[in-house]
Amino acid sequence: YKEQWEKQKAAVDQLKDHLLDLQRRIEEAQRKKNLLVARQKRAQAQKQIHDTISGMQKNDAFSTFDRMNAKVDEYEAKADAAAEMSAEFSGEDKLEAEFAALKTKSNVDDDLAALKTKVAEK
């Protein structure tokens, strides 16, 4: 029986060695797969960046800024027009507002004249 046991032990040891070798090869294959996946993702990212840059050169980045600037100018003009229209239709009379401002100014002038008179009397 000892001889059979030794043969079986040798066979088991050989199977363990093969199993360890197979596990090492599987781990190496997994590392290679991960490396290939990473390289593929990097290549896709580089292609996407290249395509984006190529598209920008075709469209000229400055023309994009010019279009953006024109849109902002248009929005500002619309906002100014809306403010002007709401002021005109809100019932506010511009002339009355200007007269009120002038009246306030003349009150300040009167106060200044009174102070000058007081100082001159002293």
N, C-alpha and C. Protein backbone atom coordinates (compact mmCIF):
# COMPACT_ATOMS: atom_id res chain seq x y z
N TYR A 1 0.80 -1.21 0.00
CA TYR A 1 0.00 0.00 0.00
C TYR A 1 0.84 1.27 0.00
N LYS A 2 1.98 1.17 0.59
CA LYS A 2 2.85 2.34 0.68
C LYS A 2 3.26 2.80 -0.71
N GLU A 3 3.51 1.85 -1.58
CA GLU A 3 3.92 2.19 -2.93
C GLU A 3 2.79 2.91 -3.67
N GLN A 4 1.57 2.43 -3.51
CA GLN A 4 0.42 3.09 -4.14
C GLN A 4 0.22 4.49 -3.55
N TRP A 5 0.39 4.58 -2.26
CA TRP A 5 0.24 5.89 -1.58
C TRP A 5 1.25 6.88 -2.12
N GLU A 6 2.49 6.43 -2.29
CA GLU A 6 3.54 7.31 -2.80
C GLU A 6 3.24 7.73 -4.25
N LYS A 7 2.71 6.79 -5.05
CA LYS A 7 2.35 7.12 -6.43
C LYS A 7 1.21 8.15 -6.43
N GLN A 8 0.23 7.90 -5.57
CA GLN A 8 -0.90 8.83 -5.48
C GLN A 8 -0.44 10.21 -5.00
N LYS A 9 0.47 10.20 -4.01
CA LYS A 9 0.99 11.47 -3.48
C LYS A 9 1.74 12.21 -4.58
N ALA A 10 2.54 11.51 -5.36
CA ALA A 10 3.29 12.13 -6.45
C ALA A 10 2.31 12.69 -7.50
N ALA A 11 1.26 11.93 -7.79
CA ALA A 11 0.26 12.39 -8.76
C ALA A 11 -0.46 13.64 -8.23
N VAL A 12 -0.81 13.62 -6.94
CA VAL A 12 -1.48 14.77 -6.33
C VAL A 12 -0.55 15.98 -6.35
N ASP A 13 0.73 15.78 -6.01
CA ASP A 13 1.69 16.89 -6.03
C ASP A 13 1.84 17.45 -7.44
N GLN A 14 1.85 16.54 -8.43
CA GLN A 14 1.96 16.99 -9.82
C GLN A 14 0.70 17.78 -10.22
N LEU A 15 -0.47 17.30 -9.82
CA LEU A 15 -1.71 18.02 -10.11
C LEU A 15 -1.73 19.39 -9.44
N LYS A 16 -1.23 19.46 -8.19
CA LYS A 16 -1.16 20.76 -7.48
C LYS A 16 -0.25 21.71 -8.24
N ASP A 17 0.90 21.20 -8.71
CA ASP A 17 1.82 22.04 -9.47
C ASP A 17 1.16 22.55 -10.76
N HIS A 18 0.45 21.64 -11.46
CA HIS A 18 -0.25 22.04 -12.67
C HIS A 18 -1.33 23.08 -12.36
N LEU A 19 -2.03 22.85 -11.25
CA LEU A 19 -3.08 23.79 -10.84
C LEU A 19 -2.49 25.17 -10.54
N LEU A 20 -1.38 25.21 -9.80
CA LEU A 20 -0.71 26.49 -9.51
C LEU A 20 -0.25 27.17 -10.79
N ASP A 21 0.30 26.37 -11.72
CA ASP A 21 0.75 26.93 -12.99
C ASP A 21 -0.44 27.49 -13.77
N LEU A 22 -1.54 26.75 -13.76
CA LEU A 22 -2.75 27.21 -14.45
C LEU A 22 -3.28 28.50 -13.80
N GLN A 23 -3.26 28.56 -12.47
CA GLN A 23 -3.71 29.78 -11.78
C GLN A 23 -2.83 30.97 -12.14
N ARG A 24 -1.51 30.75 -12.21
CA ARG A 24 -0.60 31.83 -12.60
C ARG A 24 -0.89 32.31 -14.02
N ARG A 25 -1.15 31.36 -14.92
CA ARG A 25 -1.45 31.74 -16.29
C ARG A 25 -2.79 32.48 -16.39
N ILE A 26 -3.76 32.06 -15.60
CA ILE A 26 -5.05 32.75 -15.59
C ILE A 26 -4.87 34.17 -15.06
N GLU A 27 -4.10 34.34 -13.99
CA GLU A 27 -3.85 35.68 -13.44
C GLU A 27 -3.11 36.55 -14.45
N GLU A 28 -2.14 35.96 -15.15
CA GLU A 28 -1.40 36.72 -16.16
C GLU A 28 -2.34 37.11 -17.31
N ALA A 29 -3.21 36.21 -17.71
CA ALA A 29 -4.16 36.52 -18.77
C ALA A 29 -5.11 37.63 -18.32
N GLN A 30 -5.52 37.60 -17.05
CA GLN A 30 -6.40 38.65 -16.52
C GLN A 30 -5.68 40.00 -16.53
N ARG A 31 -4.41 40.02 -16.13
CA ARG A 31 -3.64 41.27 -16.16
C ARG A 31 -3.51 41.79 -17.59
N LYS A 32 -3.23 40.88 -18.54
CA LYS A 32 -3.11 41.29 -19.94
C LYS A 32 -4.44 41.84 -20.45
N LYS A 33 -5.53 41.17 -20.06
CA LYS A 33 -6.86 41.65 -20.46
C LYS A 33 -7.11 43.05 -19.92
N ASN A 34 -6.81 43.26 -18.63
CA ASN A 34 -6.99 44.59 -18.02
C ASN A 34 -6.14 45.64 -18.72
N LEU A 35 -4.92 45.26 -19.07
CA LEU A 35 -4.02 46.18 -19.78
C LEU A 35 -4.59 46.52 -21.16
N LEU A 36 -5.10 45.51 -21.86
CA LEU A 36 -5.69 45.77 -23.18
C LEU A 36 -6.93 46.65 -23.08
N VAL A 37 -7.75 46.42 -22.06
CA VAL A 37 -8.94 47.25 -21.88
C VAL A 37 -8.53 48.70 -21.61
N ALA A 38 -7.52 48.88 -20.75
CA ALA A 38 -7.04 50.23 -20.44
C ALA A 38 -6.48 50.90 -21.69
N ARG A 39 -5.72 50.16 -22.49
CA ARG A 39 -5.17 50.73 -23.72
C ARG A 39 -6.28 51.11 -24.69
N GLN A 40 -7.32 50.27 -24.78
CA GLN A 40 -8.44 50.57 -25.67
C GLN A 40 -9.15 51.84 -25.22
N LYS A 41 -9.39 51.99 -23.92
CA LYS A 41 -10.06 53.19 -23.40
C LYS A 41 -9.22 54.43 -23.66
N ARG A 42 -7.91 54.31 -23.46
CA ARG A 42 -7.02 55.44 -23.73
C ARG A 42 -7.06 55.82 -25.20
N ALA A 43 -7.03 54.82 -26.07
CA ALA A 43 -7.07 55.08 -27.52
C ALA A 43 -8.39 55.75 -27.91
N GLN A 44 -9.50 55.29 -27.32
CA GLN A 44 -10.80 55.91 -27.62
C GLN A 44 -10.83 57.36 -27.14
N ALA A 45 -10.28 57.61 -25.94
CA ALA A 45 -10.24 58.98 -25.42
C ALA A 45 -9.39 59.87 -26.32
N GLN A 46 -8.23 59.36 -26.76
CA GLN A 46 -7.38 60.13 -27.65
C GLN A 46 -8.09 60.44 -28.96
N LYS A 47 -8.82 59.47 -29.49
CA LYS A 47 -9.55 59.68 -30.73
C LYS A 47 -10.64 60.73 -30.53
N GLN A 48 -11.34 60.65 -29.42
CA GLN A 48 -12.40 61.62 -29.15
C GLN A 48 -11.82 63.03 -29.02
N ILE A 49 -10.69 63.15 -28.33
CA ILE A 49 -10.04 64.46 -28.20
C ILE A 49 -9.61 64.97 -29.57
N HIS A 50 -9.02 64.09 -30.35
CA HIS A 50 -8.57 64.48 -31.70
C HIS A 50 -9.76 64.94 -32.55
N ASP A 51 -10.86 64.17 -32.48
CA ASP A 51 -12.05 64.55 -33.25
C ASP A 51 -12.59 65.90 -32.80
N THR A 52 -12.59 66.13 -31.49
CA THR A 52 -13.08 67.41 -30.96
C THR A 52 -12.21 68.56 -31.44
N ILE A 53 -10.90 68.36 -31.36
CA ILE A 53 -9.97 69.42 -31.79
C ILE A 53 -10.11 69.66 -33.28
N SER A 54 -10.25 68.59 -34.05
CA SER A 54 -10.43 68.76 -35.50
C SER A 54 -11.70 69.53 -35.79
N GLY A 55 -12.76 69.22 -35.07
CA GLY A 55 -14.03 69.92 -35.27
C GLY A 55 -13.91 71.39 -34.92
N MET A 56 -13.15 71.68 -33.87
CA MET A 56 -12.97 73.08 -33.48
C MET A 56 -12.18 73.83 -34.55
N GLN A 57 -11.19 73.18 -35.12
CA GLN A 57 -10.40 73.85 -36.15
C GLN A 57 -11.24 74.11 -37.38
N LYS A 58 -12.14 73.18 -37.70
CA LYS A 58 -12.99 73.37 -38.88
C LYS A 58 -13.95 74.52 -38.66
N ASN A 59 -14.50 74.61 -37.47
CA ASN A 59 -15.49 75.65 -37.18
C ASN A 59 -14.86 76.95 -36.74
N ASP A 60 -13.57 76.93 -36.50
CA ASP A 60 -12.85 78.09 -36.01
C ASP A 60 -13.44 78.57 -34.69
N ALA A 61 -12.68 78.37 -33.62
CA ALA A 61 -13.17 78.68 -32.28
C ALA A 61 -13.59 80.14 -32.16
N PHE A 62 -12.93 81.03 -32.88
CA PHE A 62 -13.27 82.45 -32.76
C PHE A 62 -14.64 82.74 -33.35
N SER A 63 -15.01 82.03 -34.39
CA SER A 63 -16.36 82.25 -34.93
C SER A 63 -17.41 81.78 -33.93
N THR A 64 -17.08 80.76 -33.15
CA THR A 64 -18.00 80.32 -32.09
C THR A 64 -18.17 81.42 -31.06
N PHE A 65 -17.07 82.03 -30.66
CA PHE A 65 -17.16 83.14 -29.70
C PHE A 65 -17.92 84.32 -30.29
N ASP A 66 -17.71 84.58 -31.57
CA ASP A 66 -18.45 85.68 -32.22
C ASP A 66 -19.95 85.42 -32.19
N ARG A 67 -20.34 84.17 -32.47
CA ARG A 67 -21.77 83.83 -32.43
C ARG A 67 -22.31 83.97 -31.01
N MET A 68 -21.52 83.54 -30.03
CA MET A 68 -21.96 83.67 -28.63
C MET A 68 -22.11 85.15 -28.27
N ASN A 69 -21.15 85.96 -28.69
CA ASN A 69 -21.20 87.40 -28.41
C ASN A 69 -22.42 88.04 -29.05
N ALA A 70 -22.72 87.65 -30.28
CA ALA A 70 -23.89 88.20 -30.97
C ALA A 70 -25.18 87.82 -30.24
N LYS A 71 -25.26 86.59 -29.74
CA LYS A 71 -26.45 86.17 -29.00
C LYS A 71 -26.60 86.97 -27.72
N VAL A 72 -25.48 87.18 -27.00
CA VAL A 72 -25.54 87.96 -25.76
C VAL A 72 -25.97 89.39 -26.07
N ASP A 73 -25.42 89.97 -27.14
CA ASP A 73 -25.84 91.33 -27.54
C ASP A 73 -27.33 91.37 -27.84
N GLU A 74 -27.82 90.36 -28.51
CA GLU A 74 -29.25 90.30 -28.84
C GLU A 74 -30.10 90.23 -27.57
N TYR A 75 -29.69 89.38 -26.62
CA TYR A 75 -30.44 89.27 -25.36
C TYR A 75 -30.43 90.58 -24.59
N GLU A 76 -29.27 91.25 -24.58
CA GLU A 76 -29.18 92.54 -23.88
C GLU A 76 -30.08 93.58 -24.54
N ALA A 77 -30.10 93.60 -25.85
CA ALA A 77 -30.95 94.56 -26.56
C ALA A 77 -32.42 94.29 -26.27
N LYS A 78 -32.81 93.01 -26.24
CA LYS A 78 -34.19 92.67 -25.92
C LYS A 78 -34.54 93.07 -24.49
N ALA A 79 -33.61 92.87 -23.56
CA ALA A 79 -33.86 93.24 -22.17
C ALA A 79 -34.00 94.76 -22.04
N ASP A 80 -33.14 95.51 -22.73
CA ASP A 80 -33.24 96.98 -22.69
C ASP A 80 -34.56 97.45 -23.28
N ALA A 81 -34.96 96.85 -24.40
CA ALA A 81 -36.23 97.23 -25.03
C ALA A 81 -37.40 96.92 -24.12
N ALA A 82 -37.36 95.77 -23.46
CA ALA A 82 -38.45 95.39 -22.55
C ALA A 82 -38.51 96.36 -21.38
N ALA A 83 -37.36 96.76 -20.84
CA ALA A 83 -37.34 97.70 -19.72
C ALA A 83 -37.89 99.05 -20.16
N GLU A 84 -37.51 99.48 -21.35
CA GLU A 84 -37.99 100.77 -21.87
C GLU A 84 -39.50 100.73 -22.08
N MET A 85 -39.98 99.63 -22.63
CA MET A 85 -41.42 99.50 -22.87
C MET A 85 -42.20 99.46 -21.56
N SER A 86 -41.67 98.75 -20.56
CA SER A 86 -42.41 98.67 -19.30
C SER A 86 -42.41 100.01 -18.59
N ALA A 87 -41.34 100.80 -18.75
CA ALA A 87 -41.30 102.13 -18.13
C ALA A 87 -42.31 103.05 -18.81
N GLU A 88 -42.45 102.93 -20.12
CA GLU A 88 -43.38 103.80 -20.84
C GLU A 88 -44.83 103.45 -20.54
N PHE A 89 -45.11 102.17 -20.35
CA PHE A 89 -46.49 101.75 -20.14
C PHE A 89 -46.84 101.57 -18.67
N SER A 90 -45.92 101.88 -17.77
CA SER A 90 -46.21 101.69 -16.35
C SER A 90 -46.97 102.87 -15.76
N GLY A 91 -47.22 103.90 -16.55
CA GLY A 91 -47.96 105.06 -16.06
C GLY A 91 -47.03 106.13 -15.51
N GLU A 92 -45.76 105.89 -15.53
CA GLU A 92 -44.79 106.86 -15.06
C GLU A 92 -44.62 107.93 -16.12
N ASP A 93 -44.74 109.15 -15.74
CA ASP A 93 -44.54 110.23 -16.71
C ASP A 93 -43.12 110.73 -16.54
N LYS A 94 -42.34 110.64 -17.60
CA LYS A 94 -40.94 111.04 -17.52
C LYS A 94 -40.80 112.52 -17.20
N LEU A 95 -41.65 113.34 -17.78
CA LEU A 95 -41.56 114.78 -17.53
C LEU A 95 -41.84 115.09 -16.06
N GLU A 96 -42.84 114.44 -15.50
CA GLU A 96 -43.13 114.67 -14.08
C GLU A 96 -41.95 114.27 -13.22
N ALA A 97 -41.31 113.16 -13.56
CA ALA A 97 -40.15 112.72 -12.79
C ALA A 97 -39.02 113.74 -12.91
N GLU A 98 -38.83 114.28 -14.11
CA GLU A 98 -37.77 115.28 -14.30
C GLU A 98 -38.09 116.57 -13.53
N PHE A 99 -39.36 117.00 -13.56
CA PHE A 99 -39.75 118.20 -12.80
C PHE A 99 -39.55 117.98 -11.30
N ALA A 100 -39.88 116.81 -10.82
CA ALA A 100 -39.69 116.52 -9.39
C ALA A 100 -38.21 116.58 -9.04
N ALA A 101 -37.36 116.07 -9.93
CA ALA A 101 -35.93 116.12 -9.68
C ALA A 101 -35.44 117.56 -9.67
N LEU A 102 -35.94 118.37 -10.60
CA LEU A 102 -35.54 119.78 -10.64
C LEU A 102 -36.02 120.53 -9.40
N LYS A 103 -37.23 120.21 -8.94
CA LYS A 103 -37.77 120.86 -7.75
C LYS A 103 -36.91 120.54 -6.53
N THR A 104 -36.49 119.27 -6.43
CA THR A 104 -35.61 118.87 -5.34
C THR A 104 -34.30 119.63 -5.43
N LYS A 105 -33.79 119.79 -6.63
CA LYS A 105 -32.55 120.52 -6.83
C LYS A 105 -32.71 121.98 -6.42
N SER A 106 -33.85 122.59 -6.77
CA SER A 106 -34.05 123.99 -6.40
C SER A 106 -34.18 124.14 -4.89
N ASN A 107 -34.75 123.15 -4.22
CA ASN A 107 -34.80 123.18 -2.75
C ASN A 107 -33.40 123.16 -2.17
N VAL A 108 -32.53 122.39 -2.76
CA VAL A 108 -31.14 122.34 -2.31
C VAL A 108 -30.49 123.69 -2.55
N ASP A 109 -30.76 124.30 -3.69
CA ASP A 109 -30.21 125.63 -3.99
C ASP A 109 -30.71 126.65 -2.97
N ASP A 110 -32.00 126.58 -2.61
CA ASP A 110 -32.56 127.50 -1.60
C ASP A 110 -31.87 127.31 -0.25
N ASP A 111 -31.68 126.04 0.13
CA ASP A 111 -31.00 125.75 1.40
C ASP A 111 -29.58 126.29 1.40
N LEU A 112 -28.89 126.14 0.27
CA LEU A 112 -27.53 126.64 0.16
C LEU A 112 -27.50 128.16 0.27
N ALA A 113 -28.41 128.83 -0.37
CA ALA A 113 -28.48 130.30 -0.30
C ALA A 113 -28.75 130.75 1.12
N ALA A 114 -29.62 130.05 1.84
CA ALA A 114 -29.93 130.40 3.23
C ALA A 114 -28.70 130.24 4.10
N LEU A 115 -27.95 129.18 3.89
CA LEU A 115 -26.73 128.97 4.68
C LEU A 115 -25.70 130.06 4.39
N LYS A 116 -25.57 130.44 3.12
CA LYS A 116 -24.63 131.50 2.76
C LYS A 116 -25.01 132.81 3.44
N THR A 117 -26.30 133.08 3.50
CA THR A 117 -26.78 134.30 4.14
C THR A 117 -26.44 134.27 5.63
N LYS A 118 -26.65 133.13 6.27
CA LYS A 118 -26.36 132.98 7.70
C LYS A 118 -24.89 133.22 7.97
N VAL A 119 -24.04 132.63 7.13
CA VAL A 119 -22.60 132.76 7.32
C VAL A 119 -22.19 134.21 7.11
N ALA A 120 -22.76 134.86 6.13
CA ALA A 120 -22.42 136.26 5.84
C ALA A 120 -22.84 137.17 6.98
N GLU A 121 -23.93 136.86 7.68
CA GLU A 121 -24.41 137.69 8.79
C GLU A 121 -23.48 137.60 9.99
N LYS A 122 -22.81 136.51 10.15
CA LYS A 122 -21.95 136.33 11.32
C LYS A 122 -20.72 137.09 11.15
